[in-house]
PDB file of N, CA and C in Angstrom:
ATOM      1  N   MET A   1       6.561 106.198-100.555  1.00  0.00           N
ATOM      2  CA  MET A   1       7.794 105.605 -99.961  1.00  0.00           C
ATOM      3  C   MET A   1       7.423 105.122 -98.532  1.00  0.00           C
ATOM      4  N   LEU A   2       6.630 105.784 -97.797  1.00  0.00           N
ATOM      5  CA  LEU A   2       6.302 105.416 -96.419  1.00  0.00           C
ATOM      6  C   LEU A   2       5.394 104.170 -96.461  1.00  0.00           C
ATOM      7  N   GLU A   3       4.545 104.114 -97.516  1.00  0.00           N
ATOM      8  CA  GLU A   3       3.637 102.937 -97.685  1.00  0.00           C
ATOM      9  C   GLU A   3       4.463 101.672 -97.903  1.00  0.00           C
ATOM     10  N   VAL A   4       5.456 101.802 -98.820  1.00  0.00           N
ATOM     11  CA  VAL A   4       6.327 100.634 -99.188  1.00  0.00           C
ATOM     12  C   VAL A   4       7.019 100.149 -97.999  1.00  0.00           C
ATOM     13  N   LEU A   5       7.635 101.093 -97.187  1.00  0.00           N
ATOM     14  CA  LEU A   5       8.318 100.679 -96.000  1.00  0.00           C
ATOM     15  C   LEU A   5       7.437 100.042 -94.964  1.00  0.00           C
ATOM     16  N   ALA A   6       6.189 100.543 -94.744  1.00  0.00           N
ATOM     17  CA  ALA A   6       5.172  99.926 -93.993  1.00  0.00           C
ATOM     18  C   ALA A   6       4.936  98.486 -94.373  1.00  0.00           C
ATOM     19  N   LYS A   7       4.759  98.278 -95.708  1.00  0.00           N
ATOM     20  CA  LYS A   7       4.437  96.853 -96.192  1.00  0.00           C
ATOM     21  C   LYS A   7       5.652  95.980 -96.016  1.00  0.00           C
ATOM     22  N   ILE A   8       6.772  96.446 -96.207  1.00  0.00           N
ATOM     23  CA  ILE A   8       8.011  95.626 -95.928  1.00  0.00           C
ATOM     24  C   ILE A   8       8.041  95.203 -94.436  1.00  0.00           C
ATOM     25  N   ILE A   9       7.923  96.137 -93.512  1.00  0.00           N
ATOM     26  CA  ILE A   9       7.844  95.806 -92.109  1.00  0.00           C
ATOM     27  C   ILE A   9       6.759  94.803 -91.819  1.00  0.00           C
ATOM     28  N   LEU A  10       5.517  94.960 -92.384  1.00  0.00           N
ATOM     29  CA  LEU A  10       4.397  94.103 -92.189  1.00  0.00           C
ATOM     30  C   LEU A  10       4.733  92.636 -92.657  1.00  0.00           C
ATOM     31  N   VAL A  11       5.403  92.569 -93.799  1.00  0.00           N
ATOM     32  CA  VAL A  11       5.783  91.261 -94.341  1.00  0.00           C
ATOM     33  C   VAL A  11       6.860  90.588 -93.472  1.00  0.00           C
ATOM     34  N   LEU A  12       7.833  91.351 -92.908  1.00  0.00           N
ATOM     35  CA  LEU A  12       8.813  90.755 -92.082  1.00  0.00           C
ATOM     36  C   LEU A  12       8.171  90.232 -90.812  1.00  0.00           C
ATOM     37  N   LEU A  13       7.226  91.039 -90.213  1.00  0.00           N
ATOM     38  CA  LEU A  13       6.590  90.607 -89.019  1.00  0.00           C
ATOM     39  C   LEU A  13       5.784  89.398 -89.281  1.00  0.00           C
ATOM     40  N   ALA A  14       5.133  89.343 -90.474  1.00  0.00           N
ATOM     41  CA  ALA A  14       4.285  88.126 -90.774  1.00  0.00           C
ATOM     42  C   ALA A  14       5.172  86.837 -90.936  1.00  0.00           C
ATOM     43  N   ILE A  15       6.439  87.063 -91.464  1.00  0.00           N
ATOM     44  CA  ILE A  15       7.298  85.909 -91.603  1.00  0.00           C
ATOM     45  C   ILE A  15       7.766  85.434 -90.220  1.00  0.00           C
ATOM     46  N   ILE A  16       8.069  86.339 -89.356  1.00  0.00           N
ATOM     47  CA  ILE A  16       8.588  86.033 -87.967  1.00  0.00           C
ATOM     48  C   ILE A  16       7.440  85.327 -87.232  1.00  0.00           C
ATOM     49  N   GLY A  17       6.126  85.832 -87.363  1.00  0.00           N
ATOM     50  CA  GLY A  17       5.016  85.221 -86.778  1.00  0.00           C
ATOM     51  C   GLY A  17       4.786  83.766 -87.270  1.00  0.00           C
ATOM     52  N   LEU A  18       4.901  83.546 -88.548  1.00  0.00           N
ATOM     53  CA  LEU A  18       4.678  82.320 -89.168  1.00  0.00           C
ATOM     54  C   LEU A  18       5.709  81.303 -88.697  1.00  0.00           C
ATOM     55  N   THR A  19       6.951  81.757 -88.517  1.00  0.00           N
ATOM     56  CA  THR A  19       8.005  80.778 -88.055  1.00  0.00           C
ATOM     57  C   THR A  19       7.743  80.462 -86.588  1.00  0.00           C
ATOM     58  N   GLU A  20       7.231  81.372 -85.837  1.00  0.00           N
ATOM     59  CA  GLU A  20       6.889  81.008 -84.442  1.00  0.00           C
ATOM     60  C   GLU A  20       5.787  80.046 -84.361  1.00  0.00           C
ATOM     61  N   VAL A  21       4.756  80.195 -85.288  1.00  0.00           N
ATOM     62  CA  VAL A  21       3.590  79.216 -85.257  1.00  0.00           C
ATOM     63  C   VAL A  21       4.110  77.845 -85.654  1.00  0.00           C
ATOM     64  N   ILE A  22       4.988  77.775 -86.653  1.00  0.00           N
ATOM     65  CA  ILE A  22       5.533  76.511 -87.106  1.00  0.00           C
ATOM     66  C   ILE A  22       6.402  75.900 -86.059  1.00  0.00           C
ATOM     67  N   LYS A  23       7.136  76.604 -85.293  1.00  0.00           N
ATOM     68  CA  LYS A  23       8.012  76.122 -84.180  1.00  0.00           C
ATOM     69  C   LYS A  23       6.982  75.603 -83.071  1.00  0.00           C
ATOM     70  N   PHE A  24       5.950  76.348 -82.746  1.00  0.00           N
ATOM     71  CA  PHE A  24       5.039  75.827 -81.678  1.00  0.00           C
ATOM     72  C   PHE A  24       4.408  74.501 -82.196  1.00  0.00           C
ATOM     73  N   ILE A  25       3.989  74.453 -83.422  1.00  0.00           N
ATOM     74  CA  ILE A  25       3.373  73.208 -83.907  1.00  0.00           C
ATOM     75  C   ILE A  25       4.261  72.025 -83.814  1.00  0.00           C
ATOM     76  N   ILE A  26       5.553  72.294 -84.282  1.00  0.00           N
ATOM     77  CA  ILE A  26       6.613  71.179 -84.210  1.00  0.00           C
ATOM     78  C   ILE A  26       6.836  70.782 -82.741  1.00  0.00           C
ATOM     79  N   PHE A  27       6.988  71.708 -81.871  1.00  0.00           N
ATOM     80  CA  PHE A  27       7.041  71.317 -80.406  1.00  0.00           C
ATOM     81  C   PHE A  27       5.944  70.481 -79.948  1.00  0.00           C
ATOM     82  N   LYS A  28       4.728  70.883 -80.288  1.00  0.00           N
ATOM     83  CA  LYS A  28       3.528  70.086 -79.879  1.00  0.00           C
ATOM     84  C   LYS A  28       3.513  68.775 -80.435  1.00  0.00           C
ATOM     85  N   ILE A  29       3.930  68.565 -81.577  1.00  0.00           N
ATOM     86  CA  ILE A  29       3.921  67.245 -82.316  1.00  0.00           C
ATOM     87  C   ILE A  29       5.094  66.324 -81.660  1.00  0.00           C
ATOM     88  N   LEU A  30       6.266  67.040 -81.486  1.00  0.00           N
ATOM     89  CA  LEU A  30       7.361  66.168 -80.946  1.00  0.00           C
ATOM     90  C   LEU A  30       7.295  65.870 -79.509  1.00  0.00           C
ATOM     91  N   LEU A  31       6.718  66.743 -78.774  1.00  0.00           N
ATOM     92  CA  LEU A  31       6.607  66.542 -77.298  1.00  0.00           C
ATOM     93  C   LEU A  31       5.242  66.120 -76.845  1.00  0.00           C
ATOM     94  N   LYS A  32       4.360  65.611 -77.759  1.00  0.00           N
ATOM     95  CA  LYS A  32       3.031  65.236 -77.390  1.00  0.00           C
ATOM     96  C   LYS A  32       3.018  64.166 -76.383  1.00  0.00           C
ATOM     97  N   ASN A  33       3.678  63.158 -76.634  1.00  0.00           N
ATOM     98  CA  ASN A  33       3.663  61.931 -75.775  1.00  0.00           C
ATOM     99  C   ASN A  33       4.776  61.752 -74.860  1.00  0.00           C
ATOM    100  N   THR A  34       5.633  62.774 -74.631  1.00  0.00           N
ATOM    101  CA  THR A  34       6.828  62.659 -73.767  1.00  0.00           C
ATOM    102  C   THR A  34       6.382  62.704 -72.318  1.00  0.00           C
ATOM    103  N   VAL A  35       7.053  61.829 -71.531  1.00  0.00           N
ATOM    104  CA  VAL A  35       6.648  61.732 -70.170  1.00  0.00           C
ATOM    105  C   VAL A  35       7.933  62.109 -69.333  1.00  0.00           C
ATOM    106  N   GLY A  36       9.117  62.202 -69.898  1.00  0.00           N
ATOM    107  CA  GLY A  36      10.357  62.512 -69.224  1.00  0.00           C
ATOM    108  C   GLY A  36      10.534  63.983 -68.772  1.00  0.00           C
ATOM    109  N   THR A  37      11.672  64.333 -68.445  1.00  0.00           N
ATOM    110  CA  THR A  37      12.020  65.578 -67.935  1.00  0.00           C
ATOM    111  C   THR A  37      12.798  66.360 -68.991  1.00  0.00           C
ATOM    112  N   LEU A  38      12.495  67.660 -69.198  1.00  0.00           N
ATOM    113  CA  LEU A  38      13.233  68.483 -70.135  1.00  0.00           C
ATOM    114  C   LEU A  38      14.414  69.210 -69.263  1.00  0.00           C
ATOM    115  N   TYR A  39      15.619  69.051 -69.661  1.00  0.00           N
ATOM    116  CA  TYR A  39      16.729  69.608 -69.027  1.00  0.00           C
ATOM    117  C   TYR A  39      17.308  70.770 -69.870  1.00  0.00           C
ATOM    118  N   LEU A  40      17.691  71.901 -69.296  1.00  0.00           N
ATOM    119  CA  LEU A  40      18.375  72.911 -69.875  1.00  0.00           C
ATOM    120  C   LEU A  40      19.681  73.077 -69.059  1.00  0.00           C
ATOM    121  N   VAL A  41      20.818  72.967 -69.739  1.00  0.00           N
ATOM    122  CA  VAL A  41      22.139  72.954 -69.051  1.00  0.00           C
ATOM    123  C   VAL A  41      22.943  74.155 -69.518  1.00  0.00           C
ATOM    124  N   ILE A  42      23.330  74.983 -68.434  1.00  0.00           N
ATOM    125  CA  ILE A  42      24.265  76.022 -68.868  1.00  0.00           C
ATOM    126  C   ILE A  42      25.526  75.867 -67.922  1.00  0.00           C
ATOM    127  N   SER A  43      26.589  76.380 -68.563  1.00  0.00           N
ATOM    128  CA  SER A  43      27.837  76.324 -67.934  1.00  0.00           C
ATOM    129  C   SER A  43      28.327  77.621 -67.466  1.00  0.00           C
ATOM    130  N   ILE A  44      28.898  77.777 -66.265  1.00  0.00           N
ATOM    131  CA  ILE A  44      29.307  79.057 -65.615  1.00  0.00           C
ATOM    132  C   ILE A  44      30.718  78.871 -65.141  1.00  0.00           C
ATOM    133  N   GLU A  45      31.603  79.797 -65.471  1.00  0.00           N
ATOM    134  CA  GLU A  45      33.017  79.731 -65.018  1.00  0.00           C
ATOM    135  C   GLU A  45      33.427  81.098 -64.546  1.00  0.00           C
ATOM    136  N   GLY A  46      34.451  81.104 -63.687  1.00  0.00           N
ATOM    137  CA  GLY A  46      35.061  82.368 -63.305  1.00  0.00           C
ATOM    138  C   GLY A  46      34.111  83.396 -62.626  1.00  0.00           C
ATOM    139  N   HIS A  47      34.451  84.699 -62.797  1.00  0.00           N
ATOM    140  CA  HIS A  47      33.592  85.734 -62.228  1.00  0.00           C
ATOM    141  C   HIS A  47      32.649  86.168 -63.446  1.00  0.00           C
ATOM    142  N   ASP A  48      31.401  86.033 -63.253  1.00  0.00           N
ATOM    143  CA  ASP A  48      30.490  86.286 -64.275  1.00  0.00           C
ATOM    144  C   ASP A  48      29.437  87.334 -63.848  1.00  0.00           C
ATOM    145  N   GLU A  49      29.567  88.577 -64.254  1.00  0.00           N
ATOM    146  CA  GLU A  49      28.727  89.714 -63.810  1.00  0.00           C
ATOM    147  C   GLU A  49      27.237  89.412 -64.340  1.00  0.00           C
ATOM    148  N   SER A  50      27.072  88.736 -65.353  1.00  0.00           N
ATOM    149  CA  SER A  50      25.777  88.547 -65.948  1.00  0.00           C
ATOM    150  C   SER A  50      25.151  87.207 -65.588  1.00  0.00           C
ATOM    151  N   VAL A  51      25.599  86.515 -64.516  1.00  0.00           N
ATOM    152  CA  VAL A  51      25.065  85.183 -64.193  1.00  0.00           C
ATOM    153  C   VAL A  51      23.609  85.194 -63.862  1.00  0.00           C
ATOM    154  N   GLU A  52      23.182  86.318 -63.112  1.00  0.00           N
ATOM    155  CA  GLU A  52      21.785  86.332 -62.776  1.00  0.00           C
ATOM    156  C   GLU A  52      20.875  86.451 -63.963  1.00  0.00           C
ATOM    157  N   MET A  53      21.335  87.281 -65.020  1.00  0.00           N
ATOM    158  CA  MET A  53      20.562  87.455 -66.164  1.00  0.00           C
ATOM    159  C   MET A  53      20.505  86.131 -66.957  1.00  0.00           C
ATOM    160  N   LYS A  54      21.669  85.479 -67.019  1.00  0.00           N
ATOM    161  CA  LYS A  54      21.673  84.193 -67.661  1.00  0.00           C
ATOM    162  C   LYS A  54      20.774  83.148 -67.108  1.00  0.00           C
ATOM    163  N   ILE A  55      20.761  83.085 -65.840  1.00  0.00           N
ATOM    164  CA  ILE A  55      19.871  82.091 -65.151  1.00  0.00           C
ATOM    165  C   ILE A  55      18.373  82.449 -65.320  1.00  0.00           C
ATOM    166  N   GLU A  56      18.146  83.744 -65.136  1.00  0.00           N
ATOM    167  CA  GLU A  56      16.717  84.172 -65.289  1.00  0.00           C
ATOM    168  C   GLU A  56      16.239  84.003 -66.729  1.00  0.00           C
ATOM    169  N   SER A  57      17.096  84.198 -67.674  1.00  0.00           N
ATOM    170  CA  SER A  57      16.766  83.978 -69.010  1.00  0.00           C
ATOM    171  C   SER A  57      16.512  82.473 -69.276  1.00  0.00           C
ATOM    172  N   ALA A  58      17.303  81.615 -68.724  1.00  0.00           N
ATOM    173  CA  ALA A  58      17.059  80.197 -68.885  1.00  0.00           C
ATOM    174  C   ALA A  58      15.780  79.818 -68.168  1.00  0.00           C
ATOM    175  N   ILE A  59      15.461  80.339 -67.036  1.00  0.00           N
ATOM    176  CA  ILE A  59      14.264  80.049 -66.336  1.00  0.00           C
ATOM    177  C   ILE A  59      13.084  80.378 -67.238  1.00  0.00           C
ATOM    178  N   GLU A  60      13.081  81.578 -67.801  1.00  0.00           N
ATOM    179  CA  GLU A  60      12.058  81.918 -68.727  1.00  0.00           C
ATOM    180  C   GLU A  60      11.866  81.042 -69.881  1.00  0.00           C
ATOM    181  N   ARG A  61      12.980  80.671 -70.430  1.00  0.00           N
ATOM    182  CA  ARG A  61      13.019  79.767 -71.550  1.00  0.00           C
ATOM    183  C   ARG A  61      12.333  78.378 -71.201  1.00  0.00           C
ATOM    184  N   LEU A  62      12.626  77.959 -70.007  1.00  0.00           N
ATOM    185  CA  LEU A  62      11.904  76.741 -69.537  1.00  0.00           C
ATOM    186  C   LEU A  62      10.401  76.880 -69.346  1.00  0.00           C
ATOM    187  N   ARG A  63      10.091  78.113 -68.779  1.00  0.00           N
ATOM    188  CA  ARG A  63       8.662  78.327 -68.590  1.00  0.00           C
ATOM    189  C   ARG A  63       7.823  78.352 -69.848  1.00  0.00           C
ATOM    190  N   TRP A  64       8.416  78.863 -70.951  1.00  0.00           N
ATOM    191  CA  TRP A  64       7.750  78.862 -72.221  1.00  0.00           C
ATOM    192  C   TRP A  64       7.900  77.564 -72.966  1.00  0.00           C
ATOM    193  N   SER A  65       8.762  76.671 -72.536  1.00  0.00           N
ATOM    194  CA  SER A  65       8.898  75.346 -73.131  1.00  0.00           C
ATOM    195  C   SER A  65       7.729  74.424 -72.819  1.00  0.00           C
ATOM    196  N   PRO A  66       7.293  73.675 -73.755  1.00  0.00           N
ATOM    197  CA  PRO A  66       6.147  72.697 -73.421  1.00  0.00           C
ATOM    198  C   PRO A  66       6.650  71.566 -72.448  1.00  0.00           C
ATOM    199  N   GLY A  67       5.647  71.058 -71.745  1.00  0.00           N
ATOM    200  CA  GLY A  67       5.954  69.932 -70.840  1.00  0.00           C
ATOM    201  C   GLY A  67       5.852  70.338 -69.420  1.00  0.00           C
ATOM    202  N   GLU A  68       5.760  69.343 -68.596  1.00  0.00           N
ATOM    203  CA  GLU A  68       5.534  69.593 -67.130  1.00  0.00           C
ATOM    204  C   GLU A  68       6.824  69.545 -66.372  1.00  0.00           C
ATOM    205  N   ASN A  69       7.612  68.502 -66.587  1.00  0.00           N
ATOM    206  CA  ASN A  69       8.882  68.321 -65.802  1.00  0.00           C
ATOM    207  C   ASN A  69       9.997  69.017 -66.463  1.00  0.00           C
ATOM    208  N   LYS A  70      10.541  70.082 -65.875  1.00  0.00           N
ATOM    209  CA  LYS A  70      11.591  70.863 -66.407  1.00  0.00           C
ATOM    210  C   LYS A  70      12.617  71.183 -65.368  1.00  0.00           C
ATOM    211  N   LYS A  71      13.932  71.024 -65.689  1.00  0.00           N
ATOM    212  CA  LYS A  71      14.990  71.419 -64.780  1.00  0.00           C
ATOM    213  C   LYS A  71      16.042  72.201 -65.389  1.00  0.00           C
ATOM    214  N   LEU A  72      16.665  73.120 -64.672  1.00  0.00           N
ATOM    215  CA  LEU A  72      17.740  73.899 -65.071  1.00  0.00           C
ATOM    216  C   LEU A  72      19.009  73.361 -64.422  1.00  0.00           C
ATOM    217  N   ILE A  73      20.122  72.929 -65.150  1.00  0.00           N
ATOM    218  CA  ILE A  73      21.259  72.447 -64.532  1.00  0.00           C
ATOM    219  C   ILE A  73      22.371  73.525 -64.836  1.00  0.00           C
ATOM    220  N   CYS A  74      22.928  73.998 -63.729  1.00  0.00           N
ATOM    221  CA  CYS A  74      24.110  74.865 -63.832  1.00  0.00           C
ATOM    222  C   CYS A  74      25.335  74.123 -63.547  1.00  0.00           C
ATOM    223  N   ILE A  75      26.321  74.095 -64.443  1.00  0.00           N
ATOM    224  CA  ILE A  75      27.598  73.375 -64.330  1.00  0.00           C
ATOM    225  C   ILE A  75      28.562  74.392 -63.821  1.00  0.00           C
ATOM    226  N   ASP A  76      29.157  74.130 -62.600  1.00  0.00           N
ATOM    227  CA  ASP A  76      30.143  74.959 -62.033  1.00  0.00           C
ATOM    228  C   ASP A  76      31.499  74.582 -62.516  1.00  0.00           C
ATOM    229  N   LYS A  77      31.975  75.371 -63.504  1.00  0.00           N
ATOM    230  CA  LYS A  77      33.292  75.105 -64.038  1.00  0.00           C
ATOM    231  C   LYS A  77      34.355  76.087 -63.440  1.00  0.00           C
ATOM    232  N   GLY A  78      34.355  76.213 -62.113  1.00  0.00           N
ATOM    233  CA  GLY A  78      35.292  77.121 -61.389  1.00  0.00           C
ATOM    234  C   GLY A  78      34.819  78.420 -61.172  1.00  0.00           C
ATOM    235  N   MET A  79      33.515  78.548 -60.708  1.00  0.00           N
ATOM    236  CA  MET A  79      32.967  79.949 -60.390  1.00  0.00           C
ATOM    237  C   MET A  79      33.651  80.558 -59.214  1.00  0.00           C
ATOM    238  N   ASP A  80      33.779  81.808 -59.147  1.00  0.00           N
ATOM    239  CA  ASP A  80      34.364  82.479 -57.925  1.00  0.00           C
ATOM    240  C   ASP A  80      33.087  82.571 -56.947  1.00  0.00           C
ATOM    241  N   GLU A  81      33.461  82.924 -55.665  1.00  0.00           N
ATOM    242  CA  GLU A  81      32.538  82.870 -54.581  1.00  0.00           C
ATOM    243  C   GLU A  81      31.337  83.685 -54.806  1.00  0.00           C
ATOM    244  N   GLU A  82      31.445  84.950 -55.390  1.00  0.00           N
ATOM    245  CA  GLU A  82      30.355  85.872 -55.572  1.00  0.00           C
ATOM    246  C   GLU A  82      29.350  85.159 -56.632  1.00  0.00           C
ATOM    247  N   THR A  83      29.925  84.723 -57.681  1.00  0.00           N
ATOM    248  CA  THR A  83      29.087  84.103 -58.657  1.00  0.00           C
ATOM    249  C   THR A  83      28.330  82.816 -58.144  1.00  0.00           C
ATOM    250  N   ALA A  84      29.031  82.070 -57.345  1.00  0.00           N
ATOM    251  CA  ALA A  84      28.420  80.897 -56.737  1.00  0.00           C
ATOM    252  C   ALA A  84      27.372  81.243 -55.773  1.00  0.00           C
ATOM    253  N   MET A  85      27.570  82.364 -55.055  1.00  0.00           N
ATOM    254  CA  MET A  85      26.442  82.821 -54.100  1.00  0.00           C
ATOM    255  C   MET A  85      25.279  83.279 -54.826  1.00  0.00           C
ATOM    256  N   VAL A  86      25.443  83.944 -55.925  1.00  0.00           N
ATOM    257  CA  VAL A  86      24.277  84.403 -56.795  1.00  0.00           C
ATOM    258  C   VAL A  86      23.482  83.101 -57.228  1.00  0.00           C
ATOM    259  N   CYS A  87      24.192  82.083 -57.727  1.00  0.00           N
ATOM    260  CA  CYS A  87      23.577  80.880 -58.184  1.00  0.00           C
ATOM    261  C   CYS A  87      22.892  80.205 -57.089  1.00  0.00           C
ATOM    262  N   ARG A  88      23.491  80.069 -55.985  1.00  0.00           N
ATOM    263  CA  ARG A  88      22.831  79.408 -54.831  1.00  0.00           C
ATOM    264  C   ARG A  88      21.568  80.169 -54.416  1.00  0.00           C
ATOM    265  N   ILE A  89      21.605  81.433 -54.394  1.00  0.00           N
ATOM    266  CA  ILE A  89      20.392  82.231 -54.018  1.00  0.00           C
ATOM    267  C   ILE A  89      19.347  81.904 -55.025  1.00  0.00           C
ATOM    268  N   LEU A  90      19.602  81.941 -56.239  1.00  0.00           N
ATOM    269  CA  LEU A  90      18.586  81.826 -57.384  1.00  0.00           C
ATOM    270  C   LEU A  90      18.072  80.264 -57.273  1.00  0.00           C
ATOM    271  N   SER A  91      18.941  79.431 -56.936  1.00  0.00           N
ATOM    272  CA  SER A  91      18.511  78.007 -56.939  1.00  0.00           C
ATOM    273  C   SER A  91      17.514  77.811 -55.641  1.00  0.00           C
ATOM    274  N   HIS A  92      17.784  78.489 -54.603  1.00  0.00           N
ATOM    275  CA  HIS A  92      16.798  78.484 -53.475  1.00  0.00           C
ATOM    276  C   HIS A  92      15.473  79.110 -53.769  1.00  0.00           C
ATOM    277  N   GLN A  93      15.530  80.168 -54.515  1.00  0.00           N
ATOM    278  CA  GLN A  93      14.268  80.919 -54.887  1.00  0.00           C
ATOM    279  C   GLN A  93      13.423  80.204 -55.941  1.00  0.00           C
ATOM    280  N   ASN A  94      14.111  79.445 -56.788  1.00  0.00           N
ATOM    281  CA  ASN A  94      13.378  78.775 -57.930  1.00  0.00           C
ATOM    282  C   ASN A  94      13.583  77.249 -57.920  1.00  0.00           C
ATOM    283  N   PRO A  95      12.514  76.576 -57.629  1.00  0.00           N
ATOM    284  CA  PRO A  95      12.639  75.089 -57.607  1.00  0.00           C
ATOM    285  C   PRO A  95      12.944  74.615 -58.948  1.00  0.00           C
ATOM    286  N   GLY A  96      13.705  73.494 -59.126  1.00  0.00           N
ATOM    287  CA  GLY A  96      14.091  73.018 -60.352  1.00  0.00           C
ATOM    288  C   GLY A  96      15.429  73.448 -60.885  1.00  0.00           C
ATOM    289  N   ILE A  97      16.198  74.201 -60.045  1.00  0.00           N
ATOM    290  CA  ILE A  97      17.557  74.627 -60.459  1.00  0.00           C
ATOM    291  C   ILE A  97      18.508  73.797 -59.665  1.00  0.00           C
ATOM    292  N   GLU A  98      19.482  73.060 -60.233  1.00  0.00           N
ATOM    293  CA  GLU A  98      20.465  72.345 -59.570  1.00  0.00           C
ATOM    294  C   GLU A  98      21.863  72.749 -60.043  1.00  0.00           C
ATOM    295  N   ILE A  99      22.759  72.792 -59.070  1.00  0.00           N
ATOM    296  CA  ILE A  99      24.159  73.305 -59.375  1.00  0.00           C
ATOM    297  C   ILE A  99      25.083  72.056 -59.222  1.00  0.00           C
ATOM    298  N   TYR A 100      25.859  71.723 -60.213  1.00  0.00           N
ATOM    299  CA  TYR A 100      26.719  70.525 -60.196  1.00  0.00           C
ATOM    300  C   TYR A 100      28.102  70.985 -60.587  1.00  0.00           C
ATOM    301  N   THR A 101      29.146  70.337 -60.118  1.00  0.00           N
ATOM    302  CA  THR A 101      30.542  70.432 -60.648  1.00  0.00           C
ATOM    303  C   THR A 101      30.466  69.422 -61.910  1.00  0.00           C
ATOM    304  N   PRO A 102      31.379  69.462 -62.779  1.00  0.00           N
ATOM    305  CA  PRO A 102      31.414  68.577 -63.939  1.00  0.00           C
ATOM    306  C   PRO A 102      31.529  67.121 -63.472  1.00  0.00           C
ATOM    307  N   GLU A 103      32.250  66.849 -62.383  1.00  0.00           N
ATOM    308  CA  GLU A 103      32.374  65.435 -61.918  1.00  0.00           C
ATOM    309  C   GLU A 103      30.989  64.959 -61.318  1.00  0.00           C
ATOM    310  N   GLU A 104      30.357  65.829 -60.565  1.00  0.00           N
ATOM    311  CA  GLU A 104      29.015  65.405 -60.101  1.00  0.00           C
ATOM    312  C   GLU A 104      28.058  65.201 -61.088  1.00  0.00           C
ATOM    313  N   PHE A 105      28.137  66.103 -62.168  1.00  0.00           N
ATOM    314  CA  PHE A 105      27.168  65.943 -63.234  1.00  0.00           C
ATOM    315  C   PHE A 105      27.424  64.619 -64.046  1.00  0.00           C
ATOM    316  N   ASN A 106      28.652  64.222 -64.168  1.00  0.00           N
ATOM    317  CA  ASN A 106      28.975  62.931 -64.862  1.00  0.00           C
ATOM    318  C   ASN A 106      28.336  61.790 -63.995  1.00  0.00           C
ATOM    319  N   GLU A 107      28.438  61.848 -62.672  1.00  0.00           N
ATOM    320  CA  GLU A 107      27.895  60.819 -61.875  1.00  0.00           C
ATOM    321  C   GLU A 107      26.371  60.754 -62.036  1.00  0.00           C
ATOM    322  N   VAL A 108      25.722  61.933 -62.090  1.00  0.00           N
ATOM    323  CA  VAL A 108      24.281  61.948 -62.282  1.00  0.00           C
ATOM    324  C   VAL A 108      23.923  61.435 -63.640  1.00  0.00           C
ATOM    325  N   LEU A 109      24.670  61.635 -64.730  1.00  0.00           N
ATOM    326  CA  LEU A 109      24.378  61.137 -65.963  1.00  0.00           C
ATOM    327  C   LEU A 109      24.622  59.627 -66.017  1.00  0.00           C
ATOM    328  N   ASN A 110      25.459  59.123 -65.235  1.00  0.00           N
ATOM    329  CA  ASN A 110      25.740  57.636 -65.328  1.00  0.00           C
ATOM    330  C   ASN A 110      24.735  56.862 -64.563  1.00  0.00           C
ATOM    331  N   LEU A 111      23.865  57.491 -63.807  1.00  0.00           N
ATOM    332  CA  LEU A 111      22.911  56.735 -62.995  1.00  0.00           C
ATOM    333  C   LEU A 111      21.810  56.134 -63.799  1.00  0.00           C
TER     334      LEU A 111
END
């Protein structure tokens, strides 16, 4: 019984590993000749206790993404002062993080 369970777990791990390898190859093929910037956009509103975790997670996602030019865009959809302060602190600590209101972001997109 234990041997069967171990084999099932091994097969599941092999499937997960294979999908990660396929994802890596697809990213390499698709982003091989890209010269532009990769943008990750997150939206933050109200009082968000987990905003630091969300931004740190997005930063790590960008670190593991292929390419050289990467930016994290935080859209301020009515953050309270405490949440905005955390976002500003993190943007000063990590280059490549920009905070925009929806109106400012629309202007940036139209350039």
